[in-house]
Amino acid sequence: MRTSTESVRLRVVSGNVKCWGVTIPQGEYEGHIDWEFPDDEAEPRMSAVQLIPEKLPELANKPCEVRQYLMSGDIEPVGSN
Protein backbone atom coordinates (compact mmCIF):
# COMPACT_ATOMS: atom_id res chain seq x y z
CA MET A 1 0.00 0.00 0.00
CA ARG A 2 1.21 3.48 -0.86
CA THR A 3 0.45 6.62 1.12
CA SER A 4 0.75 10.31 0.37
CA THR A 5 0.03 13.62 2.06
CA GLU A 6 -1.64 16.50 0.25
CA SER A 7 -1.37 20.09 1.48
CA VAL A 8 -4.76 21.81 1.25
CA ARG A 9 -6.71 24.88 2.29
CA LEU A 10 -9.70 24.03 4.47
CA ARG A 11 -12.67 26.27 5.20
CA VAL A 12 -14.49 25.90 8.51
CA VAL A 13 -18.12 26.70 7.65
CA SER A 14 -19.90 26.00 10.96
CA GLY A 15 -19.42 26.66 14.64
CA ASN A 16 -19.40 22.92 15.39
CA VAL A 17 -15.68 22.28 14.79
CA LYS A 18 -13.64 21.67 17.93
CA CYS A 19 -10.07 20.62 18.58
CA TRP A 20 -8.85 19.81 22.10
CA GLY A 21 -12.09 21.36 23.42
CA VAL A 22 -11.41 24.67 21.63
CA THR A 23 -14.00 25.87 19.08
CA ILE A 24 -12.33 26.65 15.75
CA PRO A 25 -13.64 29.95 14.33
CA GLN A 26 -15.10 29.98 10.83
CA GLY A 27 -12.55 30.85 8.17
CA GLU A 28 -9.79 29.33 6.06
CA TYR A 29 -6.85 27.33 7.41
CA GLU A 30 -3.93 25.34 6.14
CA GLY A 31 -4.30 21.60 6.36
CA HIS A 32 -3.13 18.17 5.25
CA ILE A 33 -5.02 15.18 3.91
CA ASP A 34 -3.39 11.76 4.22
CA TRP A 35 -4.32 9.32 1.47
CA GLU A 36 -3.90 5.55 1.32
CA PHE A 37 -3.61 3.80 -2.03
CA PRO A 38 -4.43 0.12 -1.44
CA ASP A 39 -2.79 -2.30 -3.85
CA ASP A 40 -6.08 -4.02 -4.66
CA GLU A 41 -8.27 -0.93 -5.17
CA ALA A 42 -8.21 1.76 -7.82
CA GLU A 43 -9.63 4.49 -5.58
CA PRO A 44 -7.54 6.12 -2.83
CA ARG A 45 -8.94 6.35 0.69
CA MET A 46 -8.76 9.42 2.90
CA SER A 47 -7.18 8.20 6.13
CA ALA A 48 -6.73 11.47 8.08
CA VAL A 49 -7.33 15.20 7.80
CA GLN A 50 -5.27 17.61 9.89
CA LEU A 51 -6.22 21.26 10.36
CA ILE A 52 -3.40 23.68 11.21
CA PRO A 53 -4.96 26.50 13.28
CA GLU A 54 -1.93 28.81 13.24
CA LYS A 55 -4.14 31.74 14.31
CA LEU A 56 -4.97 30.06 17.63
CA PRO A 57 -2.00 30.08 20.03
CA GLU A 58 -3.78 27.74 22.48
CA LEU A 59 -3.59 25.01 19.81
CA ALA A 60 0.02 25.61 18.73
CA ASN A 61 1.85 22.32 18.10
CA LYS A 62 -1.28 20.23 18.80
CA PRO A 63 -2.60 17.93 16.06
CA CYS A 64 -6.17 18.75 15.05
CA GLU A 65 -7.72 15.68 13.43
CA VAL A 66 -10.85 16.91 11.63
CA ARG A 67 -11.76 14.15 9.17
CA GLN A 68 -15.17 13.70 10.81
CA TYR A 69 -15.94 17.39 10.27
CA LEU A 70 -14.93 17.20 6.61
CA MET A 71 -17.21 14.18 6.16
CA SER A 72 -20.13 15.94 7.90
CA GLY A 73 -19.79 19.16 5.86
CA ASP A 74 -18.68 21.37 8.77
CA ILE A 75 -15.37 21.80 6.91
CA GLU A 76 -14.92 21.94 3.16
CA PRO A 77 -11.78 21.81 1.04
CA VAL A 78 -10.98 25.07 -0.72
CA GLY A 79 -8.09 23.79 -2.85
CA SER A 80 -4.63 22.34 -2.89
CA ASN A 81 -1.55 24.33 -1.94
PDB file of N, CA and C in Angstrom:
ATOM      1  N   MET A   1       0.834  -1.168   0.000  1.00  0.00           N
ATOM      2  CA  MET A   1       0.000   0.000   0.000  1.00  0.00           C
ATOM      3  C   MET A   1       0.889   1.246   0.000  1.00  0.00           C
ATOM      4  N   ARG A   2       0.510   2.200  -0.824  1.00  0.00           N
ATOM      5  CA  ARG A   2       1.206   3.483  -0.861  1.00  0.00           C
ATOM      6  C   ARG A   2       0.415   4.500  -0.045  1.00  0.00           C
ATOM      7  N   THR A   3       1.103   5.512   0.434  1.00  0.00           N
ATOM      8  CA  THR A   3       0.447   6.622   1.122  1.00  0.00           C
ATOM      9  C   THR A   3       1.016   7.931   0.602  1.00  0.00           C
ATOM     10  N   SER A   4       0.251   8.984   0.718  1.00  0.00           N
ATOM     11  CA  SER A   4       0.747  10.312   0.369  1.00  0.00           C
ATOM     12  C   SER A   4       0.011  11.345   1.209  1.00  0.00           C
ATOM     13  N   THR A   5       0.621  12.515   1.317  1.00  0.00           N
ATOM     14  CA  THR A   5       0.031  13.621   2.062  1.00  0.00           C
ATOM     15  C   THR A   5      -0.126  14.795   1.116  1.00  0.00           C
ATOM     16  N   GLU A   6      -1.318  15.366   1.110  1.00  0.00           N
ATOM     17  CA  GLU A   6      -1.637  16.502   0.250  1.00  0.00           C
ATOM     18  C   GLU A   6      -1.833  17.738   1.119  1.00  0.00           C
ATOM     19  N   SER A   7      -1.158  18.823   0.791  1.00  0.00           N
ATOM     20  CA  SER A   7      -1.370  20.095   1.484  1.00  0.00           C
ATOM     21  C   SER A   7      -2.589  20.769   0.867  1.00  0.00           C
ATOM     22  N   VAL A   8      -3.506  21.220   1.726  1.00  0.00           N
ATOM     23  CA  VAL A   8      -4.756  21.806   1.250  1.00  0.00           C
ATOM     24  C   VAL A   8      -5.125  23.036   2.069  1.00  0.00           C
ATOM     25  N   ARG A   9      -6.056  23.815   1.534  1.00  0.00           N
ATOM     26  CA  ARG A   9      -6.715  24.877   2.289  1.00  0.00           C
ATOM     27  C   ARG A   9      -8.067  24.315   2.696  1.00  0.00           C
ATOM     28  N   LEU A  10      -8.433  24.505   3.958  1.00  0.00           N
ATOM     29  CA  LEU A  10      -9.705  24.026   4.474  1.00  0.00           C
ATOM     30  C   LEU A  10     -10.506  25.208   5.001  1.00  0.00           C
ATOM     31  N   ARG A  11     -11.804  25.201   4.715  1.00  0.00           N
ATOM     32  CA  ARG A  11     -12.670  26.270   5.201  1.00  0.00           C
ATOM     33  C   ARG A  11     -13.607  25.691   6.255  1.00  0.00           C
ATOM     34  N   VAL A  12     -13.554  26.260   7.448  1.00  0.00           N
ATOM     35  CA  VAL A  12     -14.491  25.902   8.508  1.00  0.00           C
ATOM     36  C   VAL A  12     -15.756  26.716   8.249  1.00  0.00           C
ATOM     37  N   VAL A  13     -16.880  26.024   8.043  1.00  0.00           N
ATOM     38  CA  VAL A  13     -18.117  26.701   7.652  1.00  0.00           C
ATOM     39  C   VAL A  13     -19.192  26.666   8.737  1.00  0.00           C
ATOM     40  N   SER A  14     -18.917  26.028   9.874  1.00  0.00           N
ATOM     41  CA  SER A  14     -19.900  25.998  10.959  1.00  0.00           C
ATOM     42  C   SER A  14     -19.195  26.230  12.291  1.00  0.00           C
ATOM     43  N   GLY A  15     -19.975  26.469  13.308  1.00  0.00           N
ATOM     44  CA  GLY A  15     -19.422  26.657  14.644  1.00  0.00           C
ATOM     45  C   GLY A  15     -19.297  25.355  15.419  1.00  0.00           C
ATOM     46  N   ASN A  16     -19.429  24.221  14.733  1.00  0.00           N
ATOM     47  CA  ASN A  16     -19.397  22.917  15.392  1.00  0.00           C
ATOM     48  C   ASN A  16     -18.007  22.308  15.505  1.00  0.00           C
ATOM     49  N   VAL A  17     -17.006  22.897  14.854  1.00  0.00           N
ATOM     50  CA  VAL A  17     -15.679  22.282  14.788  1.00  0.00           C
ATOM     51  C   VAL A  17     -14.890  22.591  16.060  1.00  0.00           C
ATOM     52  N   LYS A  18     -14.430  21.521  16.709  1.00  0.00           N
ATOM     53  CA  LYS A  18     -13.642  21.668  17.933  1.00  0.00           C
ATOM     54  C   LYS A  18     -12.373  20.836  17.831  1.00  0.00           C
ATOM     55  N   CYS A  19     -11.344  21.330  18.492  1.00  0.00           N
ATOM     56  CA  CYS A  19     -10.075  20.620  18.585  1.00  0.00           C
ATOM     57  C   CYS A  19      -9.559  20.828  19.998  1.00  0.00           C
ATOM     58  N   TRP A  20      -9.310  19.739  20.717  1.00  0.00           N
ATOM     59  CA  TRP A  20      -8.851  19.814  22.103  1.00  0.00           C
ATOM     60  C   TRP A  20      -9.794  20.661  22.947  1.00  0.00           C
ATOM     61  N   GLY A  21     -11.099  20.609  22.652  1.00  0.00           N
ATOM     62  CA  GLY A  21     -12.087  21.364  23.420  1.00  0.00           C
ATOM     63  C   GLY A  21     -12.203  22.822  23.040  1.00  0.00           C
ATOM     64  N   VAL A  22     -11.406  23.278  22.072  1.00  0.00           N
ATOM     65  CA  VAL A  22     -11.415  24.670  21.630  1.00  0.00           C
ATOM     66  C   VAL A  22     -12.224  24.759  20.335  1.00  0.00           C
ATOM     67  N   THR A  23     -13.212  25.658  20.295  1.00  0.00           N
ATOM     68  CA  THR A  23     -13.996  25.866  19.076  1.00  0.00           C
ATOM     69  C   THR A  23     -13.131  26.585  18.049  1.00  0.00           C
ATOM     70  N   ILE A  24     -13.106  26.047  16.839  1.00  0.00           N
ATOM     71  CA  ILE A  24     -12.334  26.645  15.750  1.00  0.00           C
ATOM     72  C   ILE A  24     -13.231  27.664  15.045  1.00  0.00           C
ATOM     73  N   PRO A  25     -12.831  28.937  14.992  1.00  0.00           N
ATOM     74  CA  PRO A  25     -13.644  29.952  14.331  1.00  0.00           C
ATOM     75  C   PRO A  25     -13.781  29.676  12.829  1.00  0.00           C
ATOM     76  N   GLN A  26     -14.896  30.114  12.269  1.00  0.00           N
ATOM     77  CA  GLN A  26     -15.097  29.982  10.832  1.00  0.00           C
ATOM     78  C   GLN A  26     -14.012  30.755  10.101  1.00  0.00           C
ATOM     79  N   GLY A  27     -13.586  30.219   8.967  1.00  0.00           N
ATOM     80  CA  GLY A  27     -12.548  30.847   8.171  1.00  0.00           C
ATOM     81  C   GLY A  27     -11.719  29.795   7.466  1.00  0.00           C
ATOM     82  N   GLU A  28     -10.660  30.230   6.803  1.00  0.00           N
ATOM     83  CA  GLU A  28      -9.791  29.328   6.059  1.00  0.00           C
ATOM     84  C   GLU A  28      -8.504  29.049   6.825  1.00  0.00           C
ATOM     85  N   TYR A  29      -8.044  27.794   6.702  1.00  0.00           N
ATOM     86  CA  TYR A  29      -6.854  27.334   7.406  1.00  0.00           C
ATOM     87  C   TYR A  29      -6.043  26.430   6.496  1.00  0.00           C
ATOM     88  N   GLU A  30      -4.770  26.320   6.804  1.00  0.00           N
ATOM     89  CA  GLU A  30      -3.931  25.335   6.138  1.00  0.00           C
ATOM     90  C   GLU A  30      -4.295  23.963   6.691  1.00  0.00           C
ATOM     91  N   GLY A  31      -4.031  22.943   5.891  1.00  0.00           N
ATOM     92  CA  GLY A  31      -4.302  21.596   6.363  1.00  0.00           C
ATOM     93  C   GLY A  31      -3.573  20.558   5.534  1.00  0.00           C
ATOM     94  N   HIS A  32      -3.729  19.312   5.939  1.00  0.00           N
ATOM     95  CA  HIS A  32      -3.128  18.171   5.245  1.00  0.00           C
ATOM     96  C   HIS A  32      -4.149  17.044   5.181  1.00  0.00           C
ATOM     97  N   ILE A  33      -4.200  16.382   4.049  1.00  0.00           N
ATOM     98  CA  ILE A  33      -5.017  15.179   3.913  1.00  0.00           C
ATOM     99  C   ILE A  33      -4.072  14.023   3.632  1.00  0.00           C
ATOM    100  N   ASP A  34      -4.176  12.979   4.433  1.00  0.00           N
ATOM    101  CA  ASP A  34      -3.394  11.757   4.224  1.00  0.00           C
ATOM    102  C   ASP A  34      -4.240  10.783   3.417  1.00  0.00           C
ATOM    103  N   TRP A  35      -3.643  10.263   2.356  1.00  0.00           N
ATOM    104  CA  TRP A  35      -4.317   9.315   1.467  1.00  0.00           C
ATOM    105  C   TRP A  35      -3.622   7.968   1.509  1.00  0.00           C
ATOM    106  N   GLU A  36      -4.417   6.907   1.453  1.00  0.00           N
ATOM    107  CA  GLU A  36      -3.903   5.547   1.318  1.00  0.00           C
ATOM    108  C   GLU A  36      -4.303   5.033  -0.061  1.00  0.00           C
ATOM    109  N   PHE A  37      -3.373   4.380  -0.716  1.00  0.00           N
ATOM    110  CA  PHE A  37      -3.609   3.796  -2.028  1.00  0.00           C
ATOM    111  C   PHE A  37      -3.443   2.284  -1.915  1.00  0.00           C
ATOM    112  N   PRO A  38      -4.525   1.567  -1.580  1.00  0.00           N
ATOM    113  CA  PRO A  38      -4.432   0.117  -1.435  1.00  0.00           C
ATOM    114  C   PRO A  38      -4.036  -0.541  -2.750  1.00  0.00           C
ATOM    115  N   ASP A  39      -3.269  -1.603  -2.656  1.00  0.00           N
ATOM    116  CA  ASP A  39      -2.795  -2.302  -3.850  1.00  0.00           C
ATOM    117  C   ASP A  39      -3.929  -2.924  -4.645  1.00  0.00           C
ATOM    118  N   ASP A  40      -5.006  -3.310  -3.974  1.00  0.00           N
ATOM    119  CA  ASP A  40      -6.081  -4.019  -4.656  1.00  0.00           C
ATOM    120  C   ASP A  40      -7.259  -3.136  -5.046  1.00  0.00           C
ATOM    121  N   GLU A  41      -7.173  -1.831  -4.827  1.00  0.00           N
ATOM    122  CA  GLU A  41      -8.267  -0.930  -5.168  1.00  0.00           C
ATOM    123  C   GLU A  41      -7.752   0.210  -6.040  1.00  0.00           C
ATOM    124  N   ALA A  42      -8.586   0.657  -6.942  1.00  0.00           N
ATOM    125  CA  ALA A  42      -8.211   1.757  -7.820  1.00  0.00           C
ATOM    126  C   ALA A  42      -8.374   3.115  -7.133  1.00  0.00           C
ATOM    127  N   GLU A  43      -9.335   3.214  -6.220  1.00  0.00           N
ATOM    128  CA  GLU A  43      -9.634   4.491  -5.585  1.00  0.00           C
ATOM    129  C   GLU A  43      -8.836   4.676  -4.287  1.00  0.00           C
ATOM    130  N   PRO A  44      -8.226   5.849  -4.108  1.00  0.00           N
ATOM    131  CA  PRO A  44      -7.535   6.120  -2.835  1.00  0.00           C
ATOM    132  C   PRO A  44      -8.555   6.328  -1.718  1.00  0.00           C
ATOM    133  N   ARG A  45      -8.104   6.136  -0.484  1.00  0.00           N
ATOM    134  CA  ARG A  45      -8.941   6.353   0.693  1.00  0.00           C
ATOM    135  C   ARG A  45      -8.337   7.465   1.533  1.00  0.00           C
ATOM    136  N   MET A  46      -9.196   8.351   2.010  1.00  0.00           N
ATOM    137  CA  MET A  46      -8.762   9.420   2.900  1.00  0.00           C
ATOM    138  C   MET A  46      -8.601   8.804   4.290  1.00  0.00           C
ATOM    139  N   SER A  47      -7.403   8.828   4.830  1.00  0.00           N
ATOM    140  CA  SER A  47      -7.181   8.201   6.129  1.00  0.00           C
ATOM    141  C   SER A  47      -7.148   9.204   7.278  1.00  0.00           C
ATOM    142  N   ALA A  48      -6.775  10.456   7.021  1.00  0.00           N
ATOM    143  CA  ALA A  48      -6.726  11.467   8.080  1.00  0.00           C
ATOM    144  C   ALA A  48      -6.764  12.857   7.460  1.00  0.00           C
ATOM    145  N   VAL A  49      -7.311  13.794   8.219  1.00  0.00           N
ATOM    146  CA  VAL A  49      -7.333  15.198   7.802  1.00  0.00           C
ATOM    147  C   VAL A  49      -6.880  16.018   9.001  1.00  0.00           C
ATOM    148  N   GLN A  50      -5.814  16.770   8.821  1.00  0.00           N
ATOM    149  CA  GLN A  50      -5.270  17.611   9.892  1.00  0.00           C
ATOM    150  C   GLN A  50      -5.499  19.081   9.548  1.00  0.00           C
ATOM    151  N   LEU A  51      -6.049  19.822  10.485  1.00  0.00           N
ATOM    152  CA  LEU A  51      -6.217  21.263  10.358  1.00  0.00           C
ATOM    153  C   LEU A  51      -5.082  21.924  11.124  1.00  0.00           C
ATOM    154  N   ILE A  52      -4.504  22.965  10.555  1.00  0.00           N
ATOM    155  CA  ILE A  52      -3.398  23.677  11.207  1.00  0.00           C
ATOM    156  C   ILE A  52      -3.911  25.072  11.602  1.00  0.00           C
ATOM    157  N   PRO A  53      -4.385  25.216  12.838  1.00  0.00           N
ATOM    158  CA  PRO A  53      -4.959  26.497  13.278  1.00  0.00           C
ATOM    159  C   PRO A  53      -3.893  27.464  13.769  1.00  0.00           C
ATOM    160  N   GLU A  54      -3.050  27.945  12.856  1.00  0.00           N
ATOM    161  CA  GLU A  54      -1.931  28.809  13.238  1.00  0.00           C
ATOM    162  C   GLU A  54      -2.375  30.109  13.896  1.00  0.00           C
ATOM    163  N   LYS A  55      -3.634  30.501  13.722  1.00  0.00           N
ATOM    164  CA  LYS A  55      -4.139  31.737  14.315  1.00  0.00           C
ATOM    165  C   LYS A  55      -4.537  31.568  15.781  1.00  0.00           C
ATOM    166  N   LEU A  56      -4.530  30.329  16.263  1.00  0.00           N
ATOM    167  CA  LEU A  56      -4.973  30.059  17.631  1.00  0.00           C
ATOM    168  C   LEU A  56      -3.804  29.571  18.479  1.00  0.00           C
ATOM    169  N   PRO A  57      -3.184  30.460  19.255  1.00  0.00           N
ATOM    170  CA  PRO A  57      -2.000  30.077  20.029  1.00  0.00           C
ATOM    171  C   PRO A  57      -2.253  28.940  21.014  1.00  0.00           C
ATOM    172  N   GLU A  58      -3.490  28.807  21.517  1.00  0.00           N
ATOM    173  CA  GLU A  58      -3.777  27.739  22.481  1.00  0.00           C
ATOM    174  C   GLU A  58      -3.712  26.351  21.845  1.00  0.00           C
ATOM    175  N   LEU A  59      -3.687  26.291  20.505  1.00  0.00           N
ATOM    176  CA  LEU A  59      -3.588  25.010  19.813  1.00  0.00           C
ATOM    177  C   LEU A  59      -2.250  24.825  19.102  1.00  0.00           C
ATOM    178  N   ALA A  60      -1.296  25.708  19.374  1.00  0.00           N
ATOM    179  CA  ALA A  60       0.019  25.610  18.732  1.00  0.00           C
ATOM    180  C   ALA A  60       0.649  24.252  19.035  1.00  0.00           C
ATOM    181  N   ASN A  61       1.156  23.620  17.996  1.00  0.00           N
ATOM    182  CA  ASN A  61       1.846  22.325  18.102  1.00  0.00           C
ATOM    183  C   ASN A  61       0.960  21.185  18.582  1.00  0.00           C
ATOM    184  N   LYS A  62      -0.359  21.319  18.455  1.00  0.00           N
ATOM    185  CA  LYS A  62      -1.277  20.232  18.796  1.00  0.00           C
ATOM    186  C   LYS A  62      -1.935  19.745  17.500  1.00  0.00           C
ATOM    187  N   PRO A  63      -1.948  18.442  17.272  1.00  0.00           N
ATOM    188  CA  PRO A  63      -2.599  17.931  16.062  1.00  0.00           C
ATOM    189  C   PRO A  63      -4.113  18.085  16.165  1.00  0.00           C
ATOM    190  N   CYS A  64      -4.718  18.580  15.100  1.00  0.00           N
ATOM    191  CA  CYS A  64      -6.169  18.746  15.053  1.00  0.00           C
ATOM    192  C   CYS A  64      -6.720  17.827  13.962  1.00  0.00           C
ATOM    193  N   GLU A  65      -7.130  16.641  14.357  1.00  0.00           N
ATOM    194  CA  GLU A  65      -7.722  15.681  13.428  1.00  0.00           C
ATOM    195  C   GLU A  65      -9.175  16.075  13.196  1.00  0.00           C
ATOM    196  N   VAL A  66      -9.515  16.381  11.934  1.00  0.00           N
ATOM    197  CA  VAL A  66     -10.847  16.912  11.628  1.00  0.00           C
ATOM    198  C   VAL A  66     -11.553  16.149  10.505  1.00  0.00           C
ATOM    199  N   ARG A  67     -11.139  14.922  10.257  1.00  0.00           N
ATOM    200  CA  ARG A  67     -11.755  14.152   9.166  1.00  0.00           C
ATOM    201  C   ARG A  67     -13.275  14.060   9.343  1.00  0.00           C
ATOM    202  N   GLN A  68     -13.737  13.834  10.568  1.00  0.00           N
ATOM    203  CA  GLN A  68     -15.171  13.701  10.806  1.00  0.00           C
ATOM    204  C   GLN A  68     -15.923  14.971  10.430  1.00  0.00           C
ATOM    205  N   TYR A  69     -15.298  16.127  10.621  1.00  0.00           N
ATOM    206  CA  TYR A  69     -15.939  17.394  10.269  1.00  0.00           C
ATOM    207  C   TYR A  69     -15.957  17.603   8.751  1.00  0.00           C
ATOM    208  N   LEU A  70     -14.946  17.126   8.075  1.00  0.00           N
ATOM    209  CA  LEU A  70     -14.928  17.200   6.610  1.00  0.00           C
ATOM    210  C   LEU A  70     -16.035  16.308   6.053  1.00  0.00           C
ATOM    211  N   MET A  71     -16.187  15.115   6.624  1.00  0.00           N
ATOM    212  CA  MET A  71     -17.211  14.179   6.157  1.00  0.00           C
ATOM    213  C   MET A  71     -18.623  14.690   6.444  1.00  0.00           C
ATOM    214  N   SER A  72     -18.797  15.441   7.528  1.00  0.00           N
ATOM    215  CA  SER A  72     -20.135  15.936   7.897  1.00  0.00           C
ATOM    216  C   SER A  72     -20.494  17.245   7.198  1.00  0.00           C
ATOM    217  N   GLY A  73     -19.513  17.896   6.555  1.00  0.00           N
ATOM    218  CA  GLY A  73     -19.790  19.159   5.862  1.00  0.00           C
ATOM    219  C   GLY A  73     -19.504  20.389   6.703  1.00  0.00           C
ATOM    220  N   ASP A  74     -19.020  20.226   7.940  1.00  0.00           N
ATOM    221  CA  ASP A  74     -18.677  21.373   8.774  1.00  0.00           C
ATOM    222  C   ASP A  74     -17.388  22.042   8.304  1.00  0.00           C
ATOM    223  N   ILE A  75     -16.585  21.288   7.559  1.00  0.00           N
ATOM    224  CA  ILE A  75     -15.366  21.799   6.913  1.00  0.00           C
ATOM    225  C   ILE A  75     -15.443  21.395   5.452  1.00  0.00           C
ATOM    226  N   GLU A  76     -14.976  22.286   4.585  1.00  0.00           N
ATOM    227  CA  GLU A  76     -14.922  21.945   3.156  1.00  0.00           C
ATOM    228  C   GLU A  76     -13.545  22.278   2.611  1.00  0.00           C
ATOM    229  N   PRO A  77     -13.077  21.492   1.663  1.00  0.00           N
ATOM    230  CA  PRO A  77     -11.784  21.807   1.035  1.00  0.00           C
ATOM    231  C   PRO A  77     -11.946  23.005   0.111  1.00  0.00           C
ATOM    232  N   VAL A  78     -10.968  23.893   0.134  1.00  0.00           N
ATOM    233  CA  VAL A  78     -10.978  25.070  -0.725  1.00  0.00           C
ATOM    234  C   VAL A  78     -10.107  24.825  -1.945  1.00  0.00           C
ATOM    235  N   GLY A  79      -8.999  24.101  -1.755  1.00  0.00           N
ATOM    236  CA  GLY A  79      -8.089  23.790  -2.847  1.00  0.00           C
ATOM    237  C   GLY A  79      -6.771  23.288  -2.327  1.00  0.00           C
ATOM    238  N   SER A  80      -5.960  22.828  -3.246  1.00  0.00           N
ATOM    239  CA  SER A  80      -4.628  22.340  -2.892  1.00  0.00           C
ATOM    240  C   SER A  80      -3.650  23.489  -2.838  1.00  0.00           C
ATOM    241  N   ASN A  81      -2.611  23.313  -2.033  1.00  0.00           N
ATOM    242  CA  ASN A  81      -1.550  24.335  -1.938  1.00  0.00           C
ATOM    243  C   ASN A  81      -0.416  23.988  -2.863  1.00  0.00           C
TER     244      ASN A  81
END
